[in-house]
Amino acid sequence: MEKQLRAKISLKNPSHLLAFGFGSGLIPLMPGTFGSLAAIPILIGMSFLNTSLFIVVTILAFVLGIKLCQIASEALGSHDHGSIVWDEIAGMMVTFLFVPIDALSLFLGFLLFRFFDILKPWPINVIDQKVHGGFGIMIDDIVAGAMACLSLHFIYLFII
């Protein structure tokens, strides 16, 4: 499968480069986790933005991601192939909405996002099963990011 996958994509194609998380999604073991890790340098860069720009960049990542994920999905001939990780990157952006970014928040946010993305509790599981195309690939991770964001806010408000 690895050779077949690499034959269908090219990281020289900007859409593929982004959809596959700058190549992080092509790591055979746990591509979603590596895609989420690829978001960390982006988030550190975004930490210098004001809140409004952070929101704008996150929305743009989501909207752009719909097209990117659709293109990658069509190239692979598979809906929501594990190597498509732009949705994880955008989901991680959502996780950190209105959260000061530092080492602790990055660690906790990463763990929370992966928890919701992997286990897919309701309503994520329903969205994952029922919504297709580029929007479907993106939206379940956006909801996972929102749930991780709310959890992170709860932790900071009541625990830390």
Protein backbone atom coordinates (compact mmCIF):
# COMPACT_ATOMS: atom_id res chain seq x y z
CA MET A 1 0.00 0.00 0.00
CA GLU A 2 2.85 2.40 0.78
CA LYS A 3 4.16 2.38 -2.83
CA GLN A 4 0.64 2.69 -4.23
CA LEU A 5 -0.03 5.67 -1.97
CA ARG A 6 3.18 7.45 -2.91
CA ALA A 7 2.50 6.84 -6.62
CA LYS A 8 -0.79 8.77 -6.36
CA ILE A 9 0.52 11.88 -4.63
CA SER A 10 3.29 14.41 -5.00
CA LEU A 11 4.49 16.73 -2.27
CA LYS A 12 5.54 19.07 -5.09
CA ASN A 13 1.81 19.68 -5.60
CA PRO A 14 0.89 22.44 -3.09
CA SER A 15 -2.53 20.87 -2.43
CA HIS A 16 -0.94 17.53 -1.60
CA LEU A 17 1.81 19.15 0.47
CA LEU A 18 -0.78 20.82 2.69
CA ALA A 19 -3.34 17.99 2.74
CA PHE A 20 -0.68 15.52 3.84
CA GLY A 21 0.57 17.86 6.53
CA PHE A 22 3.90 18.73 4.91
CA GLY A 23 4.56 14.98 4.65
CA SER A 24 3.70 14.14 8.26
CA GLY A 25 0.62 12.21 7.15
CA LEU A 26 2.79 9.89 5.10
CA ILE A 27 4.42 8.44 8.20
CA PRO A 28 2.97 4.91 8.18
CA LEU A 29 2.35 4.63 11.93
CA MET A 30 -0.19 7.01 13.52
CA PRO A 31 -0.38 9.59 10.71
CA GLY A 32 -3.11 11.56 12.51
CA THR A 33 -0.91 11.94 15.56
CA PHE A 34 2.01 13.09 13.43
CA GLY A 35 -0.31 15.48 11.58
CA SER A 36 -1.40 16.91 14.93
CA LEU A 37 2.24 17.31 15.91
CA ALA A 38 2.87 19.13 12.62
CA ALA A 39 0.35 21.72 13.78
CA ILE A 40 2.46 22.69 16.80
CA PRO A 41 4.99 24.90 14.95
CA ILE A 42 2.08 26.53 13.13
CA LEU A 43 0.34 27.17 16.45
CA ILE A 44 3.49 28.62 17.96
CA GLY A 45 3.66 31.01 15.00
CA MET A 46 -0.05 31.81 15.39
CA SER A 47 0.49 32.59 19.09
CA PHE A 48 1.93 35.95 17.97
CA LEU A 49 -1.34 36.88 16.26
CA ASN A 50 -4.06 38.82 17.99
CA THR A 51 -7.28 36.93 18.71
CA SER A 52 -9.09 38.24 15.62
CA LEU A 53 -6.32 37.16 13.26
CA PHE A 54 -6.05 33.77 15.03
CA ILE A 55 -9.76 33.25 14.34
CA VAL A 56 -9.42 34.37 10.70
CA VAL A 57 -6.47 32.03 10.07
CA THR A 58 -8.38 29.16 11.69
CA ILE A 59 -11.46 29.80 9.55
CA LEU A 60 -9.29 30.04 6.42
CA ALA A 61 -7.59 26.73 7.34
CA PHE A 62 -11.03 25.13 7.62
CA VAL A 63 -12.41 26.55 4.37
CA LEU A 64 -9.21 25.84 2.44
CA GLY A 65 -9.09 22.40 4.05
CA ILE A 66 -12.42 21.40 2.54
CA LYS A 67 -10.94 21.77 -0.94
CA LEU A 68 -7.52 20.36 -0.01
CA CYS A 69 -9.00 17.25 1.57
CA GLN A 70 -11.37 16.73 -1.35
CA ILE A 71 -8.46 16.94 -3.82
CA ALA A 72 -6.35 14.51 -1.75
CA SER A 73 -9.27 12.14 -1.28
CA GLU A 74 -9.93 12.05 -5.01
CA ALA A 75 -6.22 11.53 -5.76
CA LEU A 76 -6.15 8.54 -3.42
CA GLY A 77 -9.54 7.21 -4.43
CA SER A 78 -10.42 6.86 -0.77
CA HIS A 79 -12.63 8.91 1.56
CA ASP A 80 -10.77 10.27 4.60
CA HIS A 81 -7.61 8.24 4.12
CA GLY A 82 -5.49 8.34 7.29
CA SER A 83 -2.65 10.09 5.49
CA ILE A 84 -4.81 13.18 4.87
CA VAL A 85 -4.03 15.24 7.96
CA TRP A 86 -4.89 18.86 7.13
CA ASP A 87 -8.08 18.21 9.11
CA GLU A 88 -5.96 17.45 12.19
CA ILE A 89 -3.98 20.66 11.68
CA ALA A 90 -7.17 22.74 11.45
CA GLY A 91 -8.68 20.84 14.39
CA MET A 92 -5.65 21.68 16.48
CA MET A 93 -6.12 25.36 15.57
CA VAL A 94 -9.69 25.18 16.87
CA THR A 95 -8.43 23.53 20.07
CA PHE A 96 -6.41 26.64 20.88
CA LEU A 97 -9.05 29.31 20.24
CA PHE A 98 -8.91 31.80 23.11
CA VAL A 99 -6.18 29.76 24.85
CA PRO A 100 -2.78 31.25 25.69
CA ILE A 101 -0.24 29.06 23.91
CA ASP A 102 2.59 27.81 26.09
CA ALA A 103 4.26 24.46 26.73
CA LEU A 104 1.57 23.23 29.15
CA SER A 105 -1.39 24.27 27.00
CA LEU A 106 0.23 22.74 23.90
CA PHE A 107 0.74 19.45 25.75
CA LEU A 108 -2.77 19.35 27.23
CA GLY A 109 -4.45 20.57 24.03
CA PHE A 110 -2.60 17.99 21.95
CA LEU A 111 -3.67 15.17 24.32
CA LEU A 112 -7.28 16.36 24.44
CA PHE A 113 -7.53 16.77 20.68
CA ARG A 114 -6.07 13.32 20.05
CA PHE A 115 -8.46 11.86 22.66
CA PHE A 116 -11.54 13.28 20.92
CA ASP A 117 -10.21 12.62 17.41
CA ILE A 118 -9.36 8.98 18.10
CA LEU A 119 -12.32 7.96 20.30
CA LYS A 120 -14.86 10.00 18.32
CA PRO A 121 -17.56 10.34 21.00
CA TRP A 122 -21.01 11.62 20.04
CA PRO A 123 -21.56 13.74 17.96
CA ILE A 124 -18.17 13.25 16.27
CA ASN A 125 -18.90 9.59 15.45
CA VAL A 126 -22.19 10.46 13.78
CA ILE A 127 -20.61 13.25 11.75
CA ASP A 128 -17.73 10.96 10.75
CA GLN A 129 -20.14 8.31 9.47
CA LYS A 130 -22.77 10.52 7.82
CA VAL A 131 -20.93 13.48 6.28
CA HIS A 132 -18.73 12.87 3.24
CA GLY A 133 -16.46 14.71 0.84
CA GLY A 134 -13.95 17.36 1.79
CA PHE A 135 -16.42 18.92 4.22
CA GLY A 136 -16.94 15.55 5.93
CA ILE A 137 -13.21 14.98 6.26
CA MET A 138 -12.81 18.38 7.90
CA ILE A 139 -15.88 18.76 10.08
CA ASP A 140 -15.39 15.83 12.46
CA ASP A 141 -11.92 17.15 13.36
CA ILE A 142 -13.28 20.68 13.77
CA VAL A 143 -15.86 19.33 16.23
CA ALA A 144 -13.13 17.30 17.99
CA GLY A 145 -11.11 20.51 18.21
CA ALA A 146 -14.10 22.38 19.65
CA MET A 147 -14.61 19.67 22.28
CA ALA A 148 -10.89 19.73 23.12
CA CYS A 149 -11.03 23.53 23.31
CA LEU A 150 -13.96 23.47 25.74
CA SER A 151 -12.19 20.82 27.82
CA LEU A 152 -8.99 22.87 27.85
CA HIS A 153 -10.92 25.96 28.98
CA PHE A 154 -12.58 23.88 31.73
CA ILE A 155 -9.19 22.62 32.93
CA TYR A 156 -7.73 26.11 33.02
CA LEU A 157 -10.81 27.59 34.68
CA PHE A 158 -11.36 24.97 37.39
CA ILE A 159 -8.19 22.92 37.78
CA ILE A 160 -5.10 24.95 36.95
